[in-house]
N, C-alpha and C. Protein backbone atom coordinates (compact mmCIF):
# COMPACT_ATOMS: atom_id res chain seq x y z
N MET A 1 51.38 22.31 -48.30
CA MET A 1 50.86 20.99 -48.54
C MET A 1 50.83 20.16 -47.26
N ASN A 2 51.86 20.38 -46.42
CA ASN A 2 51.94 19.68 -45.15
C ASN A 2 50.76 20.05 -44.25
N ASP A 3 50.36 21.33 -44.29
CA ASP A 3 49.22 21.78 -43.49
C ASP A 3 47.94 21.10 -43.95
N LEU A 4 47.82 20.87 -45.23
CA LEU A 4 46.63 20.20 -45.78
C LEU A 4 46.53 18.77 -45.26
N PHE A 5 47.67 18.09 -45.19
CA PHE A 5 47.68 16.73 -44.65
C PHE A 5 47.31 16.71 -43.17
N LYS A 6 47.78 17.69 -42.44
CA LYS A 6 47.43 17.79 -41.02
C LYS A 6 45.94 18.02 -40.85
N ILE A 7 45.38 18.88 -41.67
CA ILE A 7 43.94 19.18 -41.59
C ILE A 7 43.12 17.94 -41.93
N VAL A 8 43.52 17.25 -42.99
CA VAL A 8 42.81 16.03 -43.40
C VAL A 8 42.93 14.97 -42.31
N SER A 9 44.11 14.82 -41.76
CA SER A 9 44.34 13.84 -40.70
C SER A 9 43.49 14.16 -39.48
N LEU A 10 43.45 15.44 -39.12
CA LEU A 10 42.64 15.87 -37.98
C LEU A 10 41.16 15.62 -38.25
N LEU A 11 40.72 15.90 -39.47
CA LEU A 11 39.32 15.64 -39.84
C LEU A 11 38.99 14.15 -39.77
N GLU A 12 39.94 13.32 -40.22
CA GLU A 12 39.74 11.87 -40.16
C GLU A 12 39.60 11.40 -38.71
N LYS A 13 40.44 11.92 -37.83
CA LYS A 13 40.37 11.55 -36.41
C LYS A 13 39.03 11.97 -35.82
N LYS A 14 38.62 13.21 -36.12
CA LYS A 14 37.35 13.70 -35.58
C LYS A 14 36.17 12.90 -36.14
N LEU A 15 36.25 12.58 -37.42
CA LEU A 15 35.18 11.80 -38.05
C LEU A 15 35.11 10.40 -37.44
N GLY A 16 36.26 9.79 -37.21
CA GLY A 16 36.31 8.48 -36.56
C GLY A 16 35.71 8.52 -35.17
N LYS A 17 36.07 9.57 -34.43
CA LYS A 17 35.53 9.74 -33.09
C LYS A 17 34.02 9.92 -33.12
N LEU A 18 33.53 10.74 -34.06
CA LEU A 18 32.09 10.96 -34.20
C LEU A 18 31.35 9.67 -34.58
N LEU A 19 31.96 8.90 -35.49
CA LEU A 19 31.33 7.63 -35.88
C LEU A 19 31.27 6.67 -34.69
N GLY A 20 32.32 6.66 -33.90
CA GLY A 20 32.32 5.82 -32.69
C GLY A 20 31.23 6.24 -31.73
N GLN A 21 31.12 7.53 -31.51
CA GLN A 21 30.06 8.04 -30.63
C GLN A 21 28.68 7.73 -31.19
N TYR A 22 28.54 7.85 -32.49
CA TYR A 22 27.26 7.55 -33.15
C TYR A 22 26.87 6.09 -32.93
N ASN A 23 27.85 5.18 -33.10
CA ASN A 23 27.57 3.75 -32.88
C ASN A 23 27.19 3.48 -31.43
N GLU A 24 27.90 4.11 -30.51
CA GLU A 24 27.59 3.94 -29.09
C GLU A 24 26.17 4.43 -28.79
N LEU A 25 25.80 5.57 -29.36
CA LEU A 25 24.46 6.11 -29.14
C LEU A 25 23.39 5.23 -29.76
N GLN A 26 23.70 4.62 -30.90
CA GLN A 26 22.74 3.70 -31.50
C GLN A 26 22.52 2.49 -30.60
N GLN A 27 23.58 1.95 -30.05
CA GLN A 27 23.46 0.80 -29.14
C GLN A 27 22.70 1.20 -27.88
N TYR A 28 23.01 2.36 -27.36
CA TYR A 28 22.31 2.85 -26.16
C TYR A 28 20.82 3.03 -26.45
N ASN A 29 20.52 3.59 -27.61
CA ASN A 29 19.12 3.79 -28.01
C ASN A 29 18.41 2.44 -28.13
N LYS A 30 19.08 1.46 -28.69
CA LYS A 30 18.50 0.11 -28.83
C LYS A 30 18.20 -0.48 -27.45
N ARG A 31 19.13 -0.32 -26.52
CA ARG A 31 18.91 -0.82 -25.15
C ARG A 31 17.73 -0.11 -24.50
N LEU A 32 17.62 1.21 -24.72
CA LEU A 32 16.51 1.97 -24.14
C LEU A 32 15.17 1.53 -24.73
N ILE A 33 15.15 1.25 -26.01
CA ILE A 33 13.92 0.78 -26.65
C ILE A 33 13.52 -0.58 -26.08
N GLU A 34 14.49 -1.47 -25.91
CA GLU A 34 14.20 -2.79 -25.32
C GLU A 34 13.70 -2.64 -23.89
N GLN A 35 14.34 -1.77 -23.14
CA GLN A 35 13.93 -1.53 -21.75
C GLN A 35 12.52 -0.95 -21.73
N ASN A 36 12.23 -0.04 -22.63
CA ASN A 36 10.91 0.57 -22.71
C ASN A 36 9.85 -0.49 -23.02
N ASN A 37 10.15 -1.39 -23.95
CA ASN A 37 9.21 -2.46 -24.27
C ASN A 37 8.97 -3.38 -23.07
N GLU A 38 10.03 -3.70 -22.35
CA GLU A 38 9.88 -4.53 -21.15
C GLU A 38 9.02 -3.83 -20.11
N LEU A 39 9.24 -2.55 -19.93
CA LEU A 39 8.46 -1.79 -18.95
C LEU A 39 6.99 -1.70 -19.37
N LYS A 40 6.75 -1.57 -20.67
CA LYS A 40 5.36 -1.57 -21.15
C LYS A 40 4.68 -2.89 -20.85
N LYS A 41 5.40 -3.99 -21.07
CA LYS A 41 4.85 -5.32 -20.75
C LYS A 41 4.54 -5.41 -19.26
N GLU A 42 5.45 -4.92 -18.44
CA GLU A 42 5.26 -4.95 -16.99
C GLU A 42 4.04 -4.12 -16.58
N VAL A 43 3.88 -2.94 -17.19
CA VAL A 43 2.73 -2.09 -16.88
C VAL A 43 1.44 -2.80 -17.27
N ASN A 44 1.43 -3.43 -18.44
CA ASN A 44 0.23 -4.17 -18.86
C ASN A 44 -0.09 -5.30 -17.89
N HIS A 45 0.96 -6.00 -17.46
CA HIS A 45 0.77 -7.09 -16.50
C HIS A 45 0.22 -6.56 -15.17
N GLN A 46 0.79 -5.46 -14.71
CA GLN A 46 0.33 -4.85 -13.46
C GLN A 46 -1.12 -4.38 -13.59
N HIS A 47 -1.45 -3.82 -14.74
CA HIS A 47 -2.82 -3.35 -14.98
C HIS A 47 -3.80 -4.53 -14.95
N GLN A 48 -3.39 -5.64 -15.56
CA GLN A 48 -4.25 -6.84 -15.56
C GLN A 48 -4.42 -7.36 -14.13
N GLN A 49 -3.34 -7.39 -13.38
CA GLN A 49 -3.43 -7.83 -11.99
C GLN A 49 -4.36 -6.92 -11.19
N PHE A 50 -4.24 -5.62 -11.42
CA PHE A 50 -5.10 -4.66 -10.73
C PHE A 50 -6.56 -4.93 -11.06
N ASN A 51 -6.87 -5.14 -12.34
CA ASN A 51 -8.25 -5.41 -12.73
C ASN A 51 -8.77 -6.69 -12.09
N ASP A 52 -7.92 -7.73 -12.06
CA ASP A 52 -8.33 -8.99 -11.43
C ASP A 52 -8.62 -8.79 -9.94
N LEU A 53 -7.73 -8.06 -9.26
CA LEU A 53 -7.94 -7.80 -7.84
C LEU A 53 -9.18 -6.95 -7.60
N GLU A 54 -9.43 -6.01 -8.49
CA GLU A 54 -10.61 -5.17 -8.36
C GLU A 54 -11.89 -6.01 -8.50
N LYS A 55 -11.88 -6.97 -9.42
CA LYS A 55 -13.04 -7.86 -9.59
C LYS A 55 -13.23 -8.73 -8.35
N LYS A 56 -12.13 -9.25 -7.83
CA LYS A 56 -12.22 -10.07 -6.61
C LYS A 56 -12.75 -9.25 -5.44
N TYR A 57 -12.26 -8.02 -5.33
CA TYR A 57 -12.74 -7.14 -4.27
C TYR A 57 -14.24 -6.91 -4.38
N GLU A 58 -14.68 -6.64 -5.61
CA GLU A 58 -16.11 -6.39 -5.82
C GLU A 58 -16.94 -7.62 -5.47
N SER A 59 -16.44 -8.79 -5.84
CA SER A 59 -17.14 -10.03 -5.50
C SER A 59 -17.22 -10.21 -3.99
N LEU A 60 -16.13 -9.95 -3.31
CA LEU A 60 -16.12 -10.07 -1.85
C LEU A 60 -17.06 -9.06 -1.20
N ARG A 61 -17.09 -7.87 -1.75
CA ARG A 61 -17.97 -6.85 -1.20
C ARG A 61 -19.43 -7.25 -1.35
N VAL A 62 -19.77 -7.82 -2.51
CA VAL A 62 -21.14 -8.28 -2.74
C VAL A 62 -21.46 -9.43 -1.80
N ALA A 63 -20.50 -10.33 -1.63
CA ALA A 63 -20.72 -11.46 -0.72
C ALA A 63 -20.92 -10.96 0.71
N ASN A 64 -20.14 -9.98 1.11
CA ASN A 64 -20.29 -9.41 2.45
C ASN A 64 -21.63 -8.70 2.59
N ALA A 65 -22.09 -8.12 1.51
CA ALA A 65 -23.38 -7.43 1.56
C ALA A 65 -24.49 -8.42 1.83
N MET A 66 -24.38 -9.59 1.28
CA MET A 66 -25.39 -10.61 1.51
C MET A 66 -25.34 -11.14 2.94
N VAL A 67 -24.16 -11.09 3.51
CA VAL A 67 -23.99 -11.60 4.86
C VAL A 67 -24.40 -10.58 5.91
N GLY A 68 -24.06 -9.32 5.72
CA GLY A 68 -24.26 -8.42 6.82
C GLY A 68 -24.49 -6.96 6.52
N SER A 69 -23.52 -6.18 6.46
CA SER A 69 -23.51 -4.73 6.45
C SER A 69 -24.67 -4.08 5.70
N LYS A 70 -25.34 -3.15 6.39
CA LYS A 70 -26.48 -2.45 5.79
C LYS A 70 -26.03 -1.60 4.59
N GLU A 71 -24.89 -0.97 4.73
CA GLU A 71 -24.39 -0.11 3.64
C GLU A 71 -24.13 -0.92 2.38
N ASP A 72 -23.46 -2.06 2.54
CA ASP A 72 -23.17 -2.91 1.39
C ASP A 72 -24.46 -3.48 0.80
N LYS A 73 -25.42 -3.81 1.65
CA LYS A 73 -26.71 -4.32 1.15
C LYS A 73 -27.40 -3.26 0.30
N HIS A 74 -27.33 -2.03 0.75
CA HIS A 74 -27.95 -0.94 0.01
C HIS A 74 -27.30 -0.78 -1.36
N ILE A 75 -25.98 -0.81 -1.39
CA ILE A 75 -25.25 -0.68 -2.65
C ILE A 75 -25.59 -1.85 -3.57
N THR A 76 -25.64 -3.05 -3.02
CA THR A 76 -25.98 -4.22 -3.82
C THR A 76 -27.39 -4.12 -4.38
N LYS A 77 -28.33 -3.67 -3.57
CA LYS A 77 -29.71 -3.50 -4.05
C LYS A 77 -29.77 -2.48 -5.18
N LEU A 78 -29.01 -1.39 -5.04
CA LEU A 78 -28.98 -0.39 -6.10
C LEU A 78 -28.42 -0.98 -7.40
N LYS A 79 -27.37 -1.78 -7.29
CA LYS A 79 -26.79 -2.40 -8.48
C LYS A 79 -27.78 -3.37 -9.12
N ILE A 80 -28.45 -4.15 -8.29
CA ILE A 80 -29.44 -5.10 -8.82
C ILE A 80 -30.56 -4.34 -9.51
N ASN A 81 -31.02 -3.26 -8.90
CA ASN A 81 -32.08 -2.46 -9.53
C ASN A 81 -31.63 -1.87 -10.86
N THR A 82 -30.37 -1.43 -10.91
CA THR A 82 -29.82 -0.90 -12.16
C THR A 82 -29.79 -1.99 -13.22
N LEU A 83 -29.34 -3.18 -12.84
CA LEU A 83 -29.29 -4.29 -13.79
C LEU A 83 -30.70 -4.66 -14.28
N ILE A 84 -31.66 -4.65 -13.38
CA ILE A 84 -33.04 -4.96 -13.77
C ILE A 84 -33.56 -3.93 -14.76
N ARG A 85 -33.26 -2.66 -14.51
CA ARG A 85 -33.69 -1.60 -15.44
C ARG A 85 -33.04 -1.79 -16.82
N GLU A 86 -31.77 -2.15 -16.83
CA GLU A 86 -31.08 -2.38 -18.09
C GLU A 86 -31.69 -3.57 -18.83
N ILE A 87 -32.03 -4.62 -18.11
CA ILE A 87 -32.66 -5.79 -18.71
C ILE A 87 -34.02 -5.42 -19.27
N ASP A 88 -34.78 -4.62 -18.52
CA ASP A 88 -36.09 -4.18 -19.00
C ASP A 88 -35.95 -3.37 -20.28
N LYS A 89 -34.95 -2.49 -20.35
CA LYS A 89 -34.73 -1.71 -21.56
C LYS A 89 -34.39 -2.62 -22.74
N CYS A 90 -33.58 -3.63 -22.50
CA CYS A 90 -33.23 -4.57 -23.57
C CYS A 90 -34.46 -5.32 -24.05
N ILE A 91 -35.31 -5.73 -23.12
CA ILE A 91 -36.54 -6.44 -23.49
C ILE A 91 -37.44 -5.55 -24.33
N VAL A 92 -37.55 -4.28 -23.95
CA VAL A 92 -38.37 -3.32 -24.72
C VAL A 92 -37.80 -3.16 -26.11
N GLN A 93 -36.49 -3.04 -26.22
CA GLN A 93 -35.87 -2.87 -27.53
C GLN A 93 -36.06 -4.11 -28.40
N LEU A 94 -36.01 -5.27 -27.78
CA LEU A 94 -36.21 -6.51 -28.53
C LEU A 94 -37.68 -6.65 -28.98
N SER A 95 -38.57 -6.11 -28.19
CA SER A 95 -39.99 -6.19 -28.50
C SER A 95 -40.34 -5.32 -29.71
N ASP A 96 -39.63 -4.22 -29.86
CA ASP A 96 -39.96 -3.29 -30.96
C ASP A 96 -39.54 -3.79 -32.29
């Protein structure tokens, strides 16, 4: 009977230890989820900043094309021609 009490006592200690570890892991998991959400927000913010900078760069490149560089002028002319073709297609579709 004494051995049975020892076994039960040992099981209780192990169960208590496991429950403690389980609670610690739950808290750790919660912290990781919060950290993951913060990092996702940061990535979205960085992505938005990148897009804004990319738009500014494109605007500056177009402005420089109007001012000087032959290469940039050529690229700008190609973009304008593409836009004109797209507008023409829209007009044709609206006409039908």
